[in-house]
N, C-alpha and C. Protein backbone atom coordinates (compact mmCIF):
# COMPACT_ATOMS: atom_id res chain seq x y z
N MET A 1 -8.20 -8.39 17.90
CA MET A 1 -7.93 -7.50 16.77
C MET A 1 -6.42 -7.31 16.63
N ASN A 2 -5.92 -7.51 15.41
CA ASN A 2 -4.50 -7.32 15.14
C ASN A 2 -4.10 -5.86 15.16
N THR A 3 -2.92 -5.56 15.63
CA THR A 3 -2.37 -4.22 15.63
C THR A 3 -0.92 -4.31 15.15
N TYR A 4 -0.55 -3.45 14.25
CA TYR A 4 0.79 -3.43 13.70
C TYR A 4 1.41 -2.00 13.93
N SER A 5 2.61 -1.96 14.46
CA SER A 5 3.28 -0.66 14.70
C SER A 5 4.39 -0.55 13.70
N LEU A 6 4.41 0.56 12.98
CA LEU A 6 5.39 0.82 11.96
C LEU A 6 6.10 2.17 12.21
N HIS A 7 7.27 2.27 11.70
CA HIS A 7 7.98 3.59 11.76
C HIS A 7 8.82 3.74 10.53
N CYS A 8 9.14 4.98 10.20
CA CYS A 8 9.97 5.27 9.04
C CYS A 8 11.41 4.93 9.37
N SER A 9 12.30 5.07 8.39
CA SER A 9 13.74 4.73 8.59
C SER A 9 14.43 5.48 9.71
N CYS A 10 14.06 6.71 9.85
CA CYS A 10 14.72 7.59 10.92
C CYS A 10 13.96 7.59 12.23
N ASN A 11 12.87 6.88 12.33
CA ASN A 11 12.04 6.76 13.55
C ASN A 11 11.35 8.07 13.91
N SER A 12 11.25 9.03 13.03
CA SER A 12 10.55 10.31 13.31
C SER A 12 9.06 10.11 13.33
N VAL A 13 8.53 9.18 12.49
CA VAL A 13 7.09 9.00 12.35
C VAL A 13 6.75 7.58 12.69
N GLU A 14 5.63 7.42 13.47
CA GLU A 14 5.10 6.10 13.77
C GLU A 14 3.69 5.99 13.25
N LEU A 15 3.33 4.90 12.79
CA LEU A 15 2.00 4.60 12.21
C LEU A 15 1.51 3.31 12.86
N THR A 16 0.26 3.31 13.26
CA THR A 16 -0.37 2.10 13.80
C THR A 16 -1.46 1.64 12.82
N LEU A 17 -1.44 0.34 12.51
CA LEU A 17 -2.47 -0.30 11.69
C LEU A 17 -3.24 -1.23 12.60
N SER A 18 -4.56 -1.18 12.55
CA SER A 18 -5.34 -2.04 13.42
C SER A 18 -6.48 -2.70 12.66
N GLY A 19 -6.91 -3.88 13.13
CA GLY A 19 -7.95 -4.62 12.53
C GLY A 19 -7.50 -5.31 11.25
N GLU A 20 -8.41 -5.45 10.29
CA GLU A 20 -8.10 -6.16 9.07
C GLU A 20 -8.00 -5.19 7.87
N PRO A 21 -7.06 -5.37 7.01
CA PRO A 21 -6.98 -4.52 5.83
C PRO A 21 -8.17 -4.79 4.87
N LYS A 22 -8.53 -3.81 4.14
CA LYS A 22 -9.57 -3.96 3.10
C LYS A 22 -9.03 -4.77 1.94
N VAL A 23 -7.72 -4.64 1.65
CA VAL A 23 -7.10 -5.28 0.52
C VAL A 23 -5.71 -5.75 0.90
N LYS A 24 -5.35 -6.92 0.39
CA LYS A 24 -3.94 -7.43 0.50
C LYS A 24 -3.63 -7.94 -0.90
N ALA A 25 -2.90 -7.12 -1.71
CA ALA A 25 -2.74 -7.52 -3.10
C ALA A 25 -1.55 -6.84 -3.72
N TYR A 26 -1.23 -7.29 -4.95
CA TYR A 26 -0.32 -6.64 -5.84
C TYR A 26 -1.14 -5.76 -6.73
N CYS A 27 -0.99 -4.47 -6.69
CA CYS A 27 -1.77 -3.58 -7.54
C CYS A 27 -0.97 -3.20 -8.75
N HIS A 28 -1.61 -3.35 -9.93
CA HIS A 28 -1.00 -3.03 -11.22
C HIS A 28 -1.61 -1.81 -11.89
N CYS A 29 -2.43 -1.05 -11.14
CA CYS A 29 -3.16 0.03 -11.83
C CYS A 29 -2.24 1.18 -12.28
N ILE A 30 -2.70 1.81 -13.28
CA ILE A 30 -1.97 2.93 -13.93
C ILE A 30 -1.76 4.05 -12.88
N ASP A 31 -2.79 4.32 -12.09
CA ASP A 31 -2.69 5.42 -11.12
C ASP A 31 -1.60 5.17 -10.12
N CYS A 32 -1.52 3.94 -9.55
CA CYS A 32 -0.50 3.64 -8.52
C CYS A 32 0.89 3.71 -9.19
N ARG A 33 0.97 3.18 -10.43
CA ARG A 33 2.27 3.27 -11.15
C ARG A 33 2.70 4.74 -11.27
N GLU A 34 1.77 5.62 -11.66
CA GLU A 34 2.14 7.01 -11.80
C GLU A 34 2.54 7.67 -10.46
N LEU A 35 1.76 7.41 -9.44
CA LEU A 35 2.04 7.98 -8.14
C LEU A 35 3.31 7.48 -7.52
N LEU A 36 3.56 6.15 -7.61
CA LEU A 36 4.65 5.49 -6.87
C LEU A 36 5.86 5.16 -7.77
N ASN A 37 5.73 5.39 -9.09
CA ASN A 37 6.82 5.13 -9.99
C ASN A 37 7.40 3.69 -9.90
N SER A 38 6.47 2.74 -9.94
CA SER A 38 6.81 1.34 -9.81
C SER A 38 5.91 0.54 -10.75
N PRO A 39 6.37 -0.58 -11.34
CA PRO A 39 5.52 -1.35 -12.29
C PRO A 39 4.31 -1.99 -11.59
N PHE A 40 4.41 -2.30 -10.33
CA PHE A 40 3.30 -2.77 -9.51
C PHE A 40 3.61 -2.53 -8.08
N SER A 41 2.59 -2.59 -7.21
CA SER A 41 2.84 -2.25 -5.82
C SER A 41 2.26 -3.34 -4.90
N PRO A 42 3.10 -4.00 -4.06
CA PRO A 42 2.57 -4.92 -3.07
C PRO A 42 2.04 -4.12 -1.91
N VAL A 43 0.76 -4.15 -1.68
CA VAL A 43 0.12 -3.25 -0.71
C VAL A 43 -0.88 -3.93 0.23
N THR A 44 -1.16 -3.28 1.34
CA THR A 44 -2.35 -3.50 2.13
C THR A 44 -3.08 -2.19 2.17
N ALA A 45 -4.41 -2.22 2.06
CA ALA A 45 -5.20 -0.99 2.07
C ALA A 45 -6.09 -1.04 3.32
N TRP A 46 -6.11 0.08 4.04
CA TRP A 46 -6.80 0.22 5.33
C TRP A 46 -7.77 1.35 5.30
N GLU A 47 -8.89 1.21 5.98
CA GLU A 47 -9.79 2.33 6.22
C GLU A 47 -8.99 3.41 7.01
N GLU A 48 -9.33 4.67 6.83
CA GLU A 48 -8.64 5.75 7.48
C GLU A 48 -8.56 5.57 9.01
N ASP A 49 -9.66 5.11 9.63
CA ASP A 49 -9.77 4.88 11.07
C ASP A 49 -8.83 3.77 11.54
N ASN A 50 -8.38 2.92 10.64
CA ASN A 50 -7.51 1.80 11.02
C ASN A 50 -6.05 1.99 10.71
N ALA A 51 -5.68 3.19 10.25
CA ALA A 51 -4.30 3.48 9.96
C ALA A 51 -4.04 4.89 10.45
N ALA A 52 -3.40 4.99 11.59
CA ALA A 52 -3.23 6.29 12.25
C ALA A 52 -1.78 6.64 12.48
N ILE A 53 -1.46 7.90 12.25
CA ILE A 53 -0.12 8.40 12.60
C ILE A 53 -0.19 8.71 14.09
N VAL A 54 0.64 8.03 14.85
CA VAL A 54 0.58 8.18 16.35
C VAL A 54 1.76 8.94 16.90
N LYS A 55 2.74 9.23 16.06
CA LYS A 55 3.90 10.01 16.48
C LYS A 55 4.49 10.72 15.26
N GLY A 56 4.87 11.95 15.42
CA GLY A 56 5.58 12.65 14.38
C GLY A 56 4.77 13.22 13.25
N ALA A 57 3.50 13.51 13.48
CA ALA A 57 2.66 14.05 12.44
C ALA A 57 3.25 15.31 11.85
N ASP A 58 3.99 16.07 12.62
CA ASP A 58 4.62 17.34 12.16
C ASP A 58 5.78 17.05 11.21
N SER A 59 6.22 15.78 11.13
CA SER A 59 7.29 15.40 10.24
C SER A 59 6.77 14.70 9.00
N VAL A 60 5.47 14.72 8.76
CA VAL A 60 4.88 14.10 7.59
C VAL A 60 4.57 15.17 6.52
N THR A 61 5.08 14.88 5.33
CA THR A 61 4.76 15.76 4.18
C THR A 61 3.76 15.01 3.30
N VAL A 62 2.81 15.78 2.73
CA VAL A 62 1.82 15.19 1.89
C VAL A 62 1.99 15.74 0.47
N TYR A 63 2.06 14.82 -0.46
CA TYR A 63 2.15 15.21 -1.86
C TYR A 63 0.77 14.91 -2.49
N GLN A 64 0.08 15.92 -3.00
CA GLN A 64 -1.20 15.74 -3.70
C GLN A 64 -0.88 15.66 -5.18
N HIS A 65 -1.25 14.52 -5.81
CA HIS A 65 -1.08 14.35 -7.25
C HIS A 65 -1.83 15.43 -7.92
N PRO A 66 -1.27 16.07 -8.99
CA PRO A 66 -1.94 17.19 -9.66
C PRO A 66 -3.22 16.82 -10.43
N THR A 67 -3.37 15.55 -10.86
CA THR A 67 -4.55 15.19 -11.63
C THR A 67 -5.37 14.05 -11.06
N LEU A 68 -4.78 13.24 -10.16
CA LEU A 68 -5.42 12.12 -9.57
C LEU A 68 -5.97 12.45 -8.17
N ARG A 69 -7.00 11.76 -7.74
CA ARG A 69 -7.47 11.94 -6.38
C ARG A 69 -6.62 11.01 -5.48
N MET A 70 -5.37 11.18 -5.47
CA MET A 70 -4.45 10.37 -4.65
C MET A 70 -3.39 11.27 -4.05
N ARG A 71 -3.00 10.90 -2.84
CA ARG A 71 -1.98 11.59 -2.08
C ARG A 71 -0.92 10.60 -1.63
N LYS A 72 0.31 11.13 -1.46
CA LYS A 72 1.39 10.31 -0.91
C LYS A 72 1.90 10.98 0.33
N TYR A 73 1.95 10.22 1.43
CA TYR A 73 2.36 10.68 2.77
C TYR A 73 3.80 10.13 3.02
N PHE A 74 4.74 10.98 3.31
CA PHE A 74 6.08 10.51 3.54
C PHE A 74 6.78 11.31 4.63
N CYS A 75 7.81 10.75 5.20
CA CYS A 75 8.57 11.39 6.26
C CYS A 75 9.42 12.54 5.60
N SER A 76 9.30 13.74 6.16
CA SER A 76 10.05 14.84 5.58
C SER A 76 11.52 14.81 6.03
N ASN A 77 11.87 13.94 6.93
CA ASN A 77 13.27 13.78 7.38
C ASN A 77 14.01 12.76 6.52
N CYS A 78 13.48 11.58 6.39
CA CYS A 78 14.19 10.48 5.71
C CYS A 78 13.60 10.22 4.30
N GLY A 79 12.40 10.74 4.02
CA GLY A 79 11.78 10.53 2.69
C GLY A 79 11.02 9.24 2.52
N GLU A 80 10.98 8.40 3.55
CA GLU A 80 10.29 7.14 3.40
C GLU A 80 8.80 7.32 3.19
N VAL A 81 8.21 6.63 2.24
CA VAL A 81 6.77 6.69 1.98
C VAL A 81 6.09 5.83 3.08
N LEU A 82 5.16 6.48 3.81
CA LEU A 82 4.41 5.77 4.85
C LEU A 82 3.17 5.10 4.30
N PHE A 83 2.43 5.83 3.46
CA PHE A 83 1.28 5.32 2.75
C PHE A 83 0.86 6.33 1.67
N ASN A 84 0.01 5.85 0.79
CA ASN A 84 -0.67 6.78 -0.10
C ASN A 84 -2.18 6.57 0.07
N THR A 85 -2.94 7.46 -0.46
CA THR A 85 -4.40 7.28 -0.44
C THR A 85 -4.81 7.06 -1.86
N ASN A 86 -5.92 6.27 -1.99
CA ASN A 86 -6.48 5.99 -3.32
C ASN A 86 -7.73 6.82 -3.47
N CYS A 87 -8.47 6.58 -4.56
CA CYS A 87 -9.62 7.41 -4.90
C CYS A 87 -10.77 7.27 -3.90
N VAL A 88 -10.80 6.22 -3.06
CA VAL A 88 -11.83 6.05 -2.04
C VAL A 88 -11.25 6.38 -0.64
N ASP A 89 -10.08 7.01 -0.64
CA ASP A 89 -9.43 7.49 0.57
C ASP A 89 -8.96 6.39 1.54
N TRP A 90 -8.75 5.19 1.03
CA TRP A 90 -8.15 4.19 1.88
C TRP A 90 -6.67 4.51 1.99
N ARG A 91 -6.03 4.15 3.06
CA ARG A 91 -4.63 4.34 3.28
C ARG A 91 -3.91 3.06 2.80
N VAL A 92 -3.17 3.23 1.75
CA VAL A 92 -2.55 2.13 1.05
C VAL A 92 -1.05 2.05 1.51
N VAL A 93 -0.78 1.10 2.36
CA VAL A 93 0.53 0.94 3.00
C VAL A 93 1.40 -0.09 2.27
N PRO A 94 2.63 0.29 1.89
CA PRO A 94 3.51 -0.67 1.22
C PRO A 94 3.77 -1.85 2.08
N GLN A 95 3.69 -3.05 1.52
CA GLN A 95 4.01 -4.27 2.27
C GLN A 95 5.50 -4.25 2.67
N LEU A 96 6.32 -3.56 1.84
CA LEU A 96 7.75 -3.51 2.16
C LEU A 96 8.00 -2.72 3.44
N LEU A 97 7.22 -1.70 3.71
CA LEU A 97 7.39 -0.90 4.97
C LEU A 97 6.97 -1.76 6.16
N ILE A 98 5.88 -2.53 5.98
CA ILE A 98 5.44 -3.44 7.04
C ILE A 98 6.55 -4.46 7.34
N ALA A 99 7.00 -5.14 6.30
CA ALA A 99 8.04 -6.17 6.46
C ALA A 99 9.30 -5.60 7.11
N LYS A 100 9.69 -4.41 6.71
CA LYS A 100 10.90 -3.80 7.29
C LYS A 100 10.76 -3.61 8.82
N ASN A 101 9.58 -3.36 9.29
CA ASN A 101 9.32 -3.19 10.67
C ASN A 101 9.16 -4.53 11.42
N TYR A 102 9.11 -5.63 10.73
CA TYR A 102 8.98 -6.95 11.38
C TYR A 102 10.09 -7.85 10.92
N ASP A 103 11.33 -7.37 11.13
CA ASP A 103 12.57 -8.14 10.81
C ASP A 103 12.55 -8.58 9.36
N HIS A 104 12.13 -7.72 8.45
CA HIS A 104 12.12 -7.99 7.02
C HIS A 104 11.27 -9.22 6.64
N GLN A 105 10.25 -9.48 7.46
CA GLN A 105 9.34 -10.62 7.20
C GLN A 105 7.90 -10.05 7.32
N LEU A 106 7.20 -10.06 6.21
CA LEU A 106 5.79 -9.66 6.24
C LEU A 106 4.98 -10.63 7.09
N PRO A 107 4.22 -10.17 8.07
CA PRO A 107 3.33 -11.06 8.79
C PRO A 107 2.46 -11.89 7.83
N GLU A 108 2.39 -13.15 8.03
CA GLU A 108 1.70 -14.06 7.10
C GLU A 108 0.27 -13.61 6.83
N GLU A 109 -0.42 -13.10 7.79
CA GLU A 109 -1.85 -12.70 7.61
C GLU A 109 -1.95 -11.44 6.70
N LEU A 110 -0.89 -10.76 6.39
CA LEU A 110 -0.91 -9.61 5.47
C LEU A 110 -0.35 -9.90 4.12
N THR A 111 -0.05 -11.13 3.84
CA THR A 111 0.48 -11.55 2.52
C THR A 111 -0.55 -11.30 1.47
N ALA A 112 -0.14 -10.84 0.31
CA ALA A 112 -1.04 -10.59 -0.83
C ALA A 112 -1.79 -11.86 -1.22
N THR A 113 -3.05 -11.71 -1.48
CA THR A 113 -3.91 -12.83 -1.87
C THR A 113 -4.23 -12.89 -3.33
N ALA A 114 -3.89 -11.77 -4.08
CA ALA A 114 -4.25 -11.73 -5.50
C ALA A 114 -3.49 -10.56 -6.16
N HIS A 115 -3.59 -10.49 -7.47
CA HIS A 115 -3.19 -9.37 -8.26
C HIS A 115 -4.46 -8.60 -8.70
N ILE A 116 -4.49 -7.29 -8.63
CA ILE A 116 -5.63 -6.53 -9.07
C ILE A 116 -5.19 -5.57 -10.17
N PHE A 117 -6.15 -5.22 -11.00
CA PHE A 117 -5.91 -4.35 -12.18
C PHE A 117 -4.84 -4.98 -13.12
N TYR A 118 -4.89 -6.29 -13.21
CA TYR A 118 -3.88 -6.99 -14.00
C TYR A 118 -3.95 -6.65 -15.47
N GLU A 119 -5.12 -6.22 -15.96
CA GLU A 119 -5.23 -5.83 -17.36
C GLU A 119 -4.39 -4.60 -17.68
N GLN A 120 -4.02 -3.85 -16.64
CA GLN A 120 -3.19 -2.65 -16.83
C GLN A 120 -1.70 -2.93 -16.60
N ARG A 121 -1.32 -4.12 -16.43
CA ARG A 121 0.05 -4.46 -16.07
C ARG A 121 1.02 -4.04 -17.17
N VAL A 122 2.29 -3.85 -16.70
CA VAL A 122 3.37 -3.60 -17.65
C VAL A 122 4.41 -4.73 -17.52
N VAL A 123 4.22 -5.57 -16.52
CA VAL A 123 5.12 -6.72 -16.29
C VAL A 123 4.23 -7.97 -16.06
N ASP A 124 4.51 -9.03 -16.72
CA ASP A 124 3.79 -10.28 -16.45
C ASP A 124 4.40 -10.92 -15.20
N ILE A 125 3.49 -11.47 -14.39
CA ILE A 125 3.91 -12.08 -13.14
C ILE A 125 3.55 -13.59 -13.25
N SER A 126 4.52 -14.44 -12.90
CA SER A 126 4.29 -15.87 -12.95
C SER A 126 4.21 -16.38 -11.53
N ASP A 127 3.02 -16.44 -11.00
CA ASP A 127 2.78 -17.04 -9.68
C ASP A 127 1.41 -17.69 -9.67
N GLU A 128 1.04 -18.29 -8.61
CA GLU A 128 -0.23 -19.01 -8.53
C GLU A 128 -1.38 -18.17 -8.00
N LEU A 129 -1.14 -16.88 -7.71
CA LEU A 129 -2.20 -16.03 -7.19
C LEU A 129 -3.21 -15.68 -8.29
N PRO A 130 -4.50 -15.54 -7.94
CA PRO A 130 -5.51 -15.13 -8.96
C PRO A 130 -5.15 -13.71 -9.43
N LYS A 131 -5.37 -13.49 -10.72
CA LYS A 131 -5.06 -12.20 -11.35
C LYS A 131 -6.40 -11.62 -11.89
N HIS A 132 -6.92 -10.68 -11.11
CA HIS A 132 -8.14 -10.02 -11.52
C HIS A 132 -7.93 -8.93 -12.54
N MET A 133 -8.73 -8.90 -13.55
CA MET A 133 -8.56 -7.86 -14.60
C MET A 133 -8.65 -6.48 -14.03
N ARG A 134 -9.59 -6.29 -13.09
CA ARG A 134 -9.77 -4.98 -12.46
C ARG A 134 -9.70 -5.25 -10.94
N GLY A 135 -10.83 -4.95 -10.27
CA GLY A 135 -10.88 -5.19 -8.80
C GLY A 135 -11.27 -6.67 -8.52
N PHE A 136 -11.45 -6.99 -7.26
CA PHE A 136 -11.64 -8.37 -6.82
C PHE A 136 -12.91 -8.99 -7.42
N SER A 137 -13.90 -8.22 -7.77
CA SER A 137 -15.13 -8.77 -8.32
C SER A 137 -15.09 -8.91 -9.84
N SER A 138 -13.99 -8.53 -10.47
CA SER A 138 -13.88 -8.59 -11.92
C SER A 138 -13.43 -9.96 -12.39
N PRO A 139 -13.62 -10.21 -13.69
CA PRO A 139 -13.16 -11.54 -14.27
C PRO A 139 -11.66 -11.71 -14.02
N LEU A 140 -11.25 -12.99 -13.99
CA LEU A 140 -9.84 -13.33 -13.88
C LEU A 140 -9.17 -13.27 -15.23
N PHE A 141 -7.85 -13.00 -15.23
CA PHE A 141 -7.04 -13.06 -16.43
C PHE A 141 -6.89 -14.49 -16.81
N GLU A 142 -7.12 -14.78 -18.08
CA GLU A 142 -7.01 -16.20 -18.57
C GLU A 142 -5.83 -16.23 -19.55
N GLY A 143 -4.64 -15.95 -19.13
CA GLY A 143 -3.50 -15.92 -20.06
C GLY A 143 -2.73 -17.13 -20.02
């Protein structure tokens, strides 16, 4: 079983990811854009049991979005986002945080395999990855 150890910029908070992520993708959904203020998010999504804060829980601040069933967890010292939760309570970890903890290189097995919610995009992406209109079981974008 794979295990990944992450920490925020100031090393106050440590997070451990274990096993396999539920999702490895670029998310283009409206909700993520609103919560994270980004046109799309390169993420891995983990079950709650597979993404644990192992140090510095008292330094974690949680922002509950006022209308969405989503929360953002960040270090109250340096402000780095550790993960957010989605509507099914998966812990959605930025691929950039993972890469930063691995010499700015995302482990190959965590590389995004697709784009999801591409019908909600605000930026067209030109790559060879499949672009699902919604989730992984939805039709592909034929643009």
